[in-house]
Amino acid sequence: AMICFLACLKEFGEHAARQDVLHSRHPPFAFPFPLEGDKVNSHTIKLTLNKDARWTKALKFMLADLKLCASMSLLFVGNLRARDFRDHQTSFPQL
């Protein structure tokens, strides 16, 4: 399940990077800790045959990447709401 979650996280990052390139935002989205297969920043998230300290570090890196995704999502949703508000602002009375 952890490996599948990591794959979803990586897919989100790839989508965000494509959107940044499409909309000419520089630099494009990138994780601070690279995701590759079952590894985050070269630390595996598999619990079997893994020392607790290395597994914990892998999860720490994964959570840092997830936090960046959450922040980016909130900014994106905030921009959409601000744009929607501006589009409908003309129908509100001017103060």
PDB file of N, CA and C in Angstrom:
ATOM      1  N   ALA A   1       0.825  -1.186   0.000  1.00  0.00           N
ATOM      2  CA  ALA A   1       0.000   0.000   0.000  1.00  0.00           C
ATOM      3  C   ALA A   1       0.879   1.263   0.000  1.00  0.00           C
ATOM      4  N   MET A   2       1.985   1.227   0.720  1.00  0.00           N
ATOM      5  CA  MET A   2       2.864   2.397   0.779  1.00  0.00           C
ATOM      6  C   MET A   2       3.482   2.692  -0.591  1.00  0.00           C
ATOM      7  N   ILE A   3       3.836   1.633  -1.305  1.00  0.00           N
ATOM      8  CA  ILE A   3       4.432   1.817  -2.628  1.00  0.00           C
ATOM      9  C   ILE A   3       3.399   2.403  -3.591  1.00  0.00           C
ATOM     10  N   CYS A   4       2.157   1.949  -3.491  1.00  0.00           N
ATOM     11  CA  CYS A   4       1.092   2.505  -4.342  1.00  0.00           C
ATOM     12  C   CYS A   4       0.850   3.970  -4.003  1.00  0.00           C
ATOM     13  N   PHE A   5       0.873   4.312  -2.715  1.00  0.00           N
ATOM     14  CA  PHE A   5       0.699   5.705  -2.320  1.00  0.00           C
ATOM     15  C   PHE A   5       1.822   6.565  -2.883  1.00  0.00           C
ATOM     16  N   LEU A   6       3.040   6.038  -2.827  1.00  0.00           N
ATOM     17  CA  LEU A   6       4.191   6.770  -3.354  1.00  0.00           C
ATOM     18  C   LEU A   6       4.052   6.965  -4.870  1.00  0.00           C
ATOM     19  N   ALA A   7       3.517   5.949  -5.553  1.00  0.00           N
ATOM     20  CA  ALA A   7       3.287   6.071  -6.996  1.00  0.00           C
ATOM     21  C   ALA A   7       2.254   7.161  -7.290  1.00  0.00           C
ATOM     22  N   CYS A   8       1.211   7.255  -6.468  1.00  0.00           N
ATOM     23  CA  CYS A   8       0.202   8.305  -6.645  1.00  0.00           C
ATOM     24  C   CYS A   8       0.800   9.681  -6.386  1.00  0.00           C
ATOM     25  N   LEU A   9       1.634   9.769  -5.384  1.00  0.00           N
ATOM     26  CA  LEU A   9       2.293  11.036  -5.061  1.00  0.00           C
ATOM     27  C   LEU A   9       3.190  11.473  -6.222  1.00  0.00           C
ATOM     28  N   LYS A  10       3.917  10.523  -6.783  1.00  0.00           N
ATOM     29  CA  LYS A  10       4.789  10.836  -7.917  1.00  0.00           C
ATOM     30  C   LYS A  10       3.963  11.272  -9.128  1.00  0.00           C
ATOM     31  N   GLU A  11       2.842  10.604  -9.350  1.00  0.00           N
ATOM     32  CA  GLU A  11       1.967  10.962 -10.470  1.00  0.00           C
ATOM     33  C   GLU A  11       1.422  12.382 -10.297  1.00  0.00           C
ATOM     34  N   PHE A  12       1.056  12.747  -9.073  1.00  0.00           N
ATOM     35  CA  PHE A  12       0.603  14.108  -8.801  1.00  0.00           C
ATOM     36  C   PHE A  12       1.704  15.116  -9.122  1.00  0.00           C
ATOM     37  N   GLY A  13       2.926  14.814  -8.699  1.00  0.00           N
ATOM     38  CA  GLY A  13       4.053  15.709  -8.964  1.00  0.00           C
ATOM     39  C   GLY A  13       4.315  15.885 -10.445  1.00  0.00           C
ATOM     40  N   GLU A  14       4.215  14.800 -11.196  1.00  0.00           N
ATOM     41  CA  GLU A  14       4.415  14.874 -12.643  1.00  0.00           C
ATOM     42  C   GLU A  14       3.326  15.723 -13.298  1.00  0.00           C
ATOM     43  N   HIS A  15       2.090  15.555 -12.832  1.00  0.00           N
ATOM     44  CA  HIS A  15       0.978  16.346 -13.369  1.00  0.00           C
ATOM     45  C   HIS A  15       1.182  17.832 -13.049  1.00  0.00           C
ATOM     46  N   ALA A  16       1.571  18.128 -11.822  1.00  0.00           N
ATOM     47  CA  ALA A  16       1.797  19.520 -11.424  1.00  0.00           C
ATOM     48  C   ALA A  16       2.919  20.148 -12.250  1.00  0.00           C
ATOM     49  N   ALA A  17       3.973  19.391 -12.503  1.00  0.00           N
ATOM     50  CA  ALA A  17       5.087  19.901 -13.313  1.00  0.00           C
ATOM     51  C   ALA A  17       4.625  20.170 -14.751  1.00  0.00           C
ATOM     52  N   ARG A  18       3.824  19.262 -15.311  1.00  0.00           N
ATOM     53  CA  ARG A  18       3.303  19.469 -16.671  1.00  0.00           C
ATOM     54  C   ARG A  18       2.439  20.722 -16.740  1.00  0.00           C
ATOM     55  N   GLN A  19       1.606  20.933 -15.717  1.00  0.00           N
ATOM     56  CA  GLN A  19       0.752  22.125 -15.688  1.00  0.00           C
ATOM     57  C   GLN A  19       1.582  23.398 -15.597  1.00  0.00           C
ATOM     58  N   ASP A  20       2.640  23.352 -14.803  1.00  0.00           N
ATOM     59  CA  ASP A  20       3.511  24.528 -14.696  1.00  0.00           C
ATOM     60  C   ASP A  20       4.171  24.851 -16.033  1.00  0.00           C
ATOM     61  N   VAL A  21       4.619  23.821 -16.731  1.00  0.00           N
ATOM     62  CA  VAL A  21       5.238  24.038 -18.047  1.00  0.00           C
ATOM     63  C   VAL A  21       4.191  24.555 -19.032  1.00  0.00           C
ATOM     64  N   LEU A  22       3.008  23.972 -18.988  1.00  0.00           N
ATOM     65  CA  LEU A  22       1.932  24.378 -19.893  1.00  0.00           C
ATOM     66  C   LEU A  22       1.556  25.843 -19.691  1.00  0.00           C
ATOM     67  N   HIS A  23       1.575  26.303 -18.446  1.00  0.00           N
ATOM     68  CA  HIS A  23       1.179  27.676 -18.136  1.00  0.00           C
ATOM     69  C   HIS A  23       2.382  28.600 -17.952  1.00  0.00           C
ATOM     70  N   SER A  24       3.538  28.152 -18.393  1.00  0.00           N
ATOM     71  CA  SER A  24       4.777  28.952 -18.374  1.00  0.00           C
ATOM     72  C   SER A  24       5.148  29.470 -16.985  1.00  0.00           C
ATOM     73  N   ARG A  25       4.947  28.635 -15.970  1.00  0.00           N
ATOM     74  CA  ARG A  25       5.366  29.005 -14.613  1.00  0.00           C
ATOM     75  C   ARG A  25       6.752  28.437 -14.380  1.00  0.00           C
ATOM     76  N   HIS A  26       7.651  29.297 -13.933  1.00  0.00           N
ATOM     77  CA  HIS A  26       9.039  28.887 -13.726  1.00  0.00           C
ATOM     78  C   HIS A  26       9.445  29.126 -12.294  1.00  0.00           C
ATOM     79  N   PRO A  27      10.164  28.256 -11.681  1.00  0.00           N
ATOM     80  CA  PRO A  27      10.521  26.917 -12.149  1.00  0.00           C
ATOM     81  C   PRO A  27       9.327  25.980 -12.004  1.00  0.00           C
ATOM     82  N   PRO A  28       9.262  24.930 -12.812  1.00  0.00           N
ATOM     83  CA  PRO A  28       8.146  23.995 -12.693  1.00  0.00           C
ATOM     84  C   PRO A  28       8.208  23.240 -11.370  1.00  0.00           C
ATOM     85  N   PHE A  29       7.077  22.702 -10.981  1.00  0.00           N
ATOM     86  CA  PHE A  29       6.965  21.961  -9.729  1.00  0.00           C
ATOM     87  C   PHE A  29       7.970  20.820  -9.692  1.00  0.00           C
ATOM     88  N   ALA A  30       8.620  20.646  -8.565  1.00  0.00           N
ATOM     89  CA  ALA A  30       9.547  19.525  -8.348  1.00  0.00           C
ATOM     90  C   ALA A  30       9.575  19.208  -6.859  1.00  0.00           C
ATOM     91  N   PHE A  31       9.649  17.943  -6.550  1.00  0.00           N
ATOM     92  CA  PHE A  31       9.743  17.526  -5.157  1.00  0.00           C
ATOM     93  C   PHE A  31      11.130  17.846  -4.607  1.00  0.00           C
ATOM     94  N   PRO A  32      11.214  18.248  -3.347  1.00  0.00           N
ATOM     95  CA  PRO A  32      12.535  18.467  -2.756  1.00  0.00           C
ATOM     96  C   PRO A  32      13.298  17.158  -2.563  1.00  0.00           C
ATOM     97  N   PHE A  33      12.536  16.068  -2.367  1.00  0.00           N
ATOM     98  CA  PHE A  33      13.142  14.750  -2.200  1.00  0.00           C
ATOM     99  C   PHE A  33      12.620  13.847  -3.322  1.00  0.00           C
ATOM    100  N   PRO A  34      13.489  13.459  -4.260  1.00  0.00           N
ATOM    101  CA  PRO A  34      13.034  12.720  -5.444  1.00  0.00           C
ATOM    102  C   PRO A  34      12.401  11.371  -5.099  1.00  0.00           C
ATOM    103  N   LEU A  35      11.389  11.005  -5.885  1.00  0.00           N
ATOM    104  CA  LEU A  35      10.678   9.739  -5.742  1.00  0.00           C
ATOM    105  C   LEU A  35      11.083   8.829  -6.887  1.00  0.00           C
ATOM    106  N   GLU A  36      11.469   7.621  -6.554  1.00  0.00           N
ATOM    107  CA  GLU A  36      11.866   6.659  -7.579  1.00  0.00           C
ATOM    108  C   GLU A  36      11.484   5.261  -7.114  1.00  0.00           C
ATOM    109  N   GLY A  37      10.460   4.701  -7.738  1.00  0.00           N
ATOM    110  CA  GLY A  37      10.011   3.361  -7.362  1.00  0.00           C
ATOM    111  C   GLY A  37       9.502   3.333  -5.934  1.00  0.00           C
ATOM    112  N   ASP A  38      10.161   2.514  -5.096  1.00  0.00           N
ATOM    113  CA  ASP A  38       9.767   2.430  -3.687  1.00  0.00           C
ATOM    114  C   ASP A  38      10.663   3.287  -2.798  1.00  0.00           C
ATOM    115  N   LYS A  39      11.401   4.215  -3.406  1.00  0.00           N
ATOM    116  CA  LYS A  39      12.376   5.018  -2.650  1.00  0.00           C
ATOM    117  C   LYS A  39      12.054   6.503  -2.696  1.00  0.00           C
ATOM    118  N   VAL A  40      12.323   7.142  -1.571  1.00  0.00           N
ATOM    119  CA  VAL A  40      12.226   8.588  -1.452  1.00  0.00           C
ATOM    120  C   VAL A  40      13.605   9.063  -1.031  1.00  0.00           C
ATOM    121  N   ASN A  41      14.236   9.860  -1.877  1.00  0.00           N
ATOM    122  CA  ASN A  41      15.585  10.352  -1.587  1.00  0.00           C
ATOM    123  C   ASN A  41      16.531   9.190  -1.261  1.00  0.00           C
ATOM    124  N   SER A  42      16.435   8.125  -2.035  1.00  0.00           N
ATOM    125  CA  SER A  42      17.261   6.917  -1.915  1.00  0.00           C
ATOM    126  C   SER A  42      17.008   6.104  -0.652  1.00  0.00           C
ATOM    127  N   HIS A  43      15.911   6.340   0.044  1.00  0.00           N
ATOM    128  CA  HIS A  43      15.532   5.561   1.222  1.00  0.00           C
ATOM    129  C   HIS A  43      14.240   4.813   0.904  1.00  0.00           C
ATOM    130  N   THR A  44      14.251   3.494   1.075  1.00  0.00           N
ATOM    131  CA  THR A  44      13.072   2.703   0.747  1.00  0.00           C
ATOM    132  C   THR A  44      11.994   2.858   1.806  1.00  0.00           C
ATOM    133  N   ILE A  45      10.735   2.807   1.357  1.00  0.00           N
ATOM    134  CA  ILE A  45       9.622   2.880   2.300  1.00  0.00           C
ATOM    135  C   ILE A  45       9.105   1.493   2.662  1.00  0.00           C
ATOM    136  N   LYS A  46       9.738   0.459   2.124  1.00  0.00           N
ATOM    137  CA  LYS A  46       9.369  -0.903   2.489  1.00  0.00           C
ATOM    138  C   LYS A  46       9.811  -1.169   3.923  1.00  0.00           C
ATOM    139  N   LEU A  47       8.916  -1.731   4.700  1.00  0.00           N
ATOM    140  CA  LEU A  47       9.230  -2.003   6.101  1.00  0.00           C
ATOM    141  C   LEU A  47      10.044  -3.279   6.255  1.00  0.00           C
ATOM    142  N   THR A  48       9.801  -4.253   5.389  1.00  0.00           N
ATOM    143  CA  THR A  48      10.523  -5.522   5.508  1.00  0.00           C
ATOM    144  C   THR A  48      11.995  -5.344   5.146  1.00  0.00           C
ATOM    145  N   LEU A  49      12.849  -5.976   5.902  1.00  0.00           N
ATOM    146  CA  LEU A  49      14.297  -5.944   5.711  1.00  0.00           C
ATOM    147  C   LEU A  49      14.851  -4.521   5.689  1.00  0.00           C
ATOM    148  N   ASN A  50      14.249  -3.648   6.456  1.00  0.00           N
ATOM    149  CA  ASN A  50      14.674  -2.255   6.512  1.00  0.00           C
ATOM    150  C   ASN A  50      14.831  -1.872   7.974  1.00  0.00           C
ATOM    151  N   LYS A  51      15.848  -1.150   8.292  1.00  0.00           N
ATOM    152  CA  LYS A  51      16.045  -0.694   9.666  1.00  0.00           C
ATOM    153  C   LYS A  51      15.042   0.410   9.976  1.00  0.00           C
ATOM    154  N   ASP A  52      14.597   0.435  11.229  1.00  0.00           N
ATOM    155  CA  ASP A  52      13.585   1.414  11.633  1.00  0.00           C
ATOM    156  C   ASP A  52      14.010   2.847  11.333  1.00  0.00           C
ATOM    157  N   ALA A  53      15.260   3.177  11.577  1.00  0.00           N
ATOM    158  CA  ALA A  53      15.729   4.555  11.372  1.00  0.00           C
ATOM    159  C   ALA A  53      15.654   4.943   9.895  1.00  0.00           C
ATOM    160  N   ARG A  54      16.037   4.037   8.995  1.00  0.00           N
ATOM    161  CA  ARG A  54      15.991   4.344   7.559  1.00  0.00           C
ATOM    162  C   ARG A  54      14.549   4.434   7.060  1.00  0.00           C
ATOM    163  N   TRP A  55      13.688   3.558   7.572  1.00  0.00           N
ATOM    164  CA  TRP A  55      12.278   3.575   7.195  1.00  0.00           C
ATOM    165  C   TRP A  55      11.632   4.874   7.678  1.00  0.00           C
ATOM    166  N   THR A  56      11.939   5.267   8.905  1.00  0.00           N
ATOM    167  CA  THR A  56      11.404   6.508   9.459  1.00  0.00           C
ATOM    168  C   THR A  56      11.876   7.711   8.648  1.00  0.00           C
ATOM    169  N   LYS A  57      13.123   7.699   8.241  1.00  0.00           N
ATOM    170  CA  LYS A  57      13.656   8.794   7.435  1.00  0.00           C
ATOM    171  C   LYS A  57      12.953   8.847   6.076  1.00  0.00           C
ATOM    172  N   ALA A  58      12.688   7.697   5.482  1.00  0.00           N
ATOM    173  CA  ALA A  58      11.977   7.659   4.200  1.00  0.00           C
ATOM    174  C   ALA A  58      10.580   8.259   4.343  1.00  0.00           C
ATOM    175  N   LEU A  59       9.906   7.920   5.427  1.00  0.00           N
ATOM    176  CA  LEU A  59       8.568   8.472   5.647  1.00  0.00           C
ATOM    177  C   LEU A  59       8.626   9.974   5.924  1.00  0.00           C
ATOM    178  N   LYS A  60       9.662  10.404   6.601  1.00  0.00           N
ATOM    179  CA  LYS A  60       9.849  11.840   6.849  1.00  0.00           C
ATOM    180  C   LYS A  60       9.992  12.583   5.520  1.00  0.00           C
ATOM    181  N   PHE A  61      10.789  12.046   4.611  1.00  0.00           N
ATOM    182  CA  PHE A  61      10.966  12.657   3.298  1.00  0.00           C
ATOM    183  C   PHE A  61       9.651  12.654   2.517  1.00  0.00           C
ATOM    184  N   MET A  62       8.913  11.536   2.598  1.00  0.00           N
ATOM    185  CA  MET A  62       7.646  11.433   1.889  1.00  0.00           C
ATOM    186  C   MET A  62       6.655  12.462   2.422  1.00  0.00           C
ATOM    187  N   LEU A  63       6.601  12.648   3.740  1.00  0.00           N
ATOM    188  CA  LEU A  63       5.690  13.627   4.320  1.00  0.00           C
ATOM    189  C   LEU A  63       6.068  15.054   3.932  1.00  0.00           C
ATOM    190  N   ALA A  64       7.352  15.319   3.806  1.00  0.00           N
ATOM    191  CA  ALA A  64       7.790  16.648   3.351  1.00  0.00           C
ATOM    192  C   ALA A  64       7.321  16.892   1.921  1.00  0.00           C
ATOM    193  N   ASP A  65       7.419  15.878   1.061  1.00  0.00           N
ATOM    194  CA  ASP A  65       6.932  16.001  -0.314  1.00  0.00           C
ATOM    195  C   ASP A  65       5.415  16.179  -0.330  1.00  0.00           C
ATOM    196  N   LEU A  66       4.719  15.437   0.521  1.00  0.00           N
ATOM    197  CA  LEU A  66       3.261  15.531   0.602  1.00  0.00           C
ATOM    198  C   LEU A  66       2.836  16.917   1.078  1.00  0.00           C
ATOM    199  N   LYS A  67       3.572  17.476   2.019  1.00  0.00           N
ATOM    200  CA  LYS A  67       3.281  18.826   2.511  1.00  0.00           C
ATOM    201  C   LYS A  67       3.400  19.845   1.375  1.00  0.00           C
ATOM    202  N   LEU A  68       4.406  19.682   0.536  1.00  0.00           N
ATOM    203  CA  LEU A  68       4.568  20.570  -0.608  1.00  0.00           C
ATOM    204  C   LEU A  68       3.386  20.433  -1.565  1.00  0.00           C
ATOM    205  N   CYS A  69       2.909  19.215  -1.777  1.00  0.00           N
ATOM    206  CA  CYS A  69       1.744  18.996  -2.643  1.00  0.00           C
ATOM    207  C   CYS A  69       0.510  19.681  -2.070  1.00  0.00           C
ATOM    208  N   ALA A  70       0.319  19.567  -0.765  1.00  0.00           N
ATOM    209  CA  ALA A  70      -0.835  20.195  -0.124  1.00  0.00           C
ATOM    210  C   ALA A  70      -0.753  21.713  -0.265  1.00  0.00           C
ATOM    211  N   SER A  71       0.429  22.267  -0.051  1.00  0.00           N
ATOM    212  CA  SER A  71       0.603  23.718  -0.187  1.00  0.00           C
ATOM    213  C   SER A  71       0.324  24.165  -1.614  1.00  0.00           C
ATOM    214  N   MET A  72       0.836  23.432  -2.566  1.00  0.00           N
ATOM    215  CA  MET A  72       0.635  23.772  -3.973  1.00  0.00           C
ATOM    216  C   MET A  72      -0.845  23.674  -4.342  1.00  0.00           C
ATOM    217  N   SER A  73      -1.532  22.669  -3.832  1.00  0.00           N
ATOM    218  CA  SER A  73      -2.959  22.505  -4.107  1.00  0.00           C
ATOM    219  C   SER A  73      -3.762  23.663  -3.538  1.00  0.00           C
ATOM    220  N   LEU A  74      -3.416  24.078  -2.319  1.00  0.00           N
ATOM    221  CA  LEU A  74      -4.127  25.199  -1.707  1.00  0.00           C
ATOM    222  C   LEU A  74      -3.904  26.492  -2.490  1.00  0.00           C
ATOM    223  N   LEU A  75      -2.698  26.707  -2.963  1.00  0.00           N
ATOM    224  CA  LEU A  75      -2.428  27.891  -3.777  1.00  0.00           C
ATOM    225  C   LEU A  75      -3.236  27.854  -5.067  1.00  0.00           C
ATOM    226  N   PHE A  76      -3.294  26.684  -5.692  1.00  0.00           N
ATOM    227  CA  PHE A  76      -4.038  26.534  -6.941  1.00  0.00           C
ATOM    228  C   PHE A  76      -5.522  26.799  -6.715  1.00  0.00           C
ATOM    229  N   VAL A  77      -6.096  26.193  -5.677  1.00  0.00           N
ATOM    230  CA  VAL A  77      -7.516  26.387  -5.383  1.00  0.00           C
ATOM    231  C   VAL A  77      -7.766  27.842  -4.996  1.00  0.00           C
ATOM    232  N   GLY A  78      -6.862  28.431  -4.226  1.00  0.00           N
ATOM    233  CA  GLY A  78      -6.996  29.838  -3.861  1.00  0.00           C
ATOM    234  C   GLY A  78      -6.980  30.740  -5.074  1.00  0.00           C
ATOM    235  N   ASN A  79      -6.117  30.452  -6.045  1.00  0.00           N
ATOM    236  CA  ASN A  79      -6.068  31.239  -7.279  1.00  0.00           C
ATOM    237  C   ASN A  79      -7.355  31.102  -8.079  1.00  0.00           C
ATOM    238  N   LEU A  80      -7.917  29.889  -8.105  1.00  0.00           N
ATOM    239  CA  LEU A  80      -9.177  29.694  -8.815  1.00  0.00           C
ATOM    240  C   LEU A  80     -10.293  30.486  -8.159  1.00  0.00           C
ATOM    241  N   ARG A  81     -10.347  30.436  -6.830  1.00  0.00           N
ATOM    242  CA  ARG A  81     -11.400  31.181  -6.122  1.00  0.00           C
ATOM    243  C   ARG A  81     -11.226  32.677  -6.316  1.00  0.00           C
ATOM    244  N   ALA A  82     -10.006  33.167  -6.272  1.00  0.00           N
ATOM    245  CA  ALA A  82      -9.756  34.595  -6.474  1.00  0.00           C
ATOM    246  C   ALA A  82     -10.174  34.998  -7.884  1.00  0.00           C
ATOM    247  N   ARG A  83      -9.864  34.151  -8.864  1.00  0.00           N
ATOM    248  CA  ARG A  83     -10.232  34.450 -10.255  1.00  0.00           C
ATOM    249  C   ARG A  83     -11.754  34.447 -10.402  1.00  0.00           C
ATOM    250  N   ASP A  84     -12.435  33.459  -9.778  1.00  0.00           N
ATOM    251  CA  ASP A  84     -13.895  33.407  -9.837  1.00  0.00           C
ATOM    252  C   ASP A  84     -14.502  34.651  -9.205  1.00  0.00           C
ATOM    253  N   PHE A  85     -13.924  35.087  -8.096  1.00  0.00           N
ATOM    254  CA  PHE A  85     -14.419  36.285  -7.425  1.00  0.00           C
ATOM    255  C   PHE A  85     -14.251  37.513  -8.311  1.00  0.00           C
ATOM    256  N   ARG A  86     -13.092  37.628  -8.944  1.00  0.00           N
ATOM    257  CA  ARG A  86     -12.851  38.780  -9.826  1.00  0.00           C
ATOM    258  C   ARG A  86     -13.821  38.764 -11.008  1.00  0.00           C
ATOM    259  N   ASP A  87     -14.096  37.559 -11.536  1.00  0.00           N
ATOM    260  CA  ASP A  87     -15.013  37.463 -12.676  1.00  0.00           C
ATOM    261  C   ASP A  87     -16.427  37.892 -12.293  1.00  0.00           C
ATOM    262  N   HIS A  88     -16.826  37.648 -11.068  1.00  0.00           N
ATOM    263  CA  HIS A  88     -18.180  37.971 -10.630  1.00  0.00           C
ATOM    264  C   HIS A  88     -18.241  39.287  -9.858  1.00  0.00           C
ATOM    265  N   GLN A  89     -17.148  39.948  -9.712  1.00  0.00           N
ATOM    266  CA  GLN A  89     -17.084  41.148  -8.903  1.00  0.00           C
ATOM    267  C   GLN A  89     -17.948  42.278  -9.510  1.00  0.00           C
ATOM    268  N   THR A  90     -18.078  42.301 -10.805  1.00  0.00           N
ATOM    269  CA  THR A  90     -18.842  43.373 -11.440  1.00  0.00           C
ATOM    270  C   THR A  90     -20.309  43.314 -11.049  1.00  0.00           C
ATOM    271  N   SER A  91     -20.821  42.146 -10.647  1.00  0.00           N
ATOM    272  CA  SER A  91     -22.220  42.046 -10.267  1.00  0.00           C
ATOM    273  C   SER A  91     -22.457  42.500  -8.826  1.00  0.00           C
ATOM    274  N   PHE A  92     -21.394  42.706  -8.064  1.00  0.00           N
ATOM    275  CA  PHE A  92     -21.530  43.192  -6.691  1.00  0.00           C
ATOM    276  C   PHE A  92     -21.522  44.709  -6.690  1.00  0.00           C
ATOM    277  N   PRO A  93     -22.251  45.309  -5.764  1.00  0.00           N
ATOM    278  CA  PRO A  93     -22.212  46.771  -5.693  1.00  0.00           C
ATOM    279  C   PRO A  93     -20.838  47.263  -5.300  1.00  0.00           C
ATOM    280  N   GLN A  94     -20.411  48.352  -5.877  1.00  0.00           N
ATOM    281  CA  GLN A  94     -19.120  48.936  -5.554  1.00  0.00           C
ATOM    282  C   GLN A  94     -19.218  49.679  -4.243  1.00  0.00           C
ATOM    283  N   LEU A  95     -18.246  49.485  -3.390  1.00  0.00           N
ATOM    284  CA  LEU A  95     -18.245  50.171  -2.087  1.00  0.00           C
ATOM    285  C   LEU A  95     -17.433  51.425  -2.128  1.00  0.00           C
TER     286      LEU A  95
END
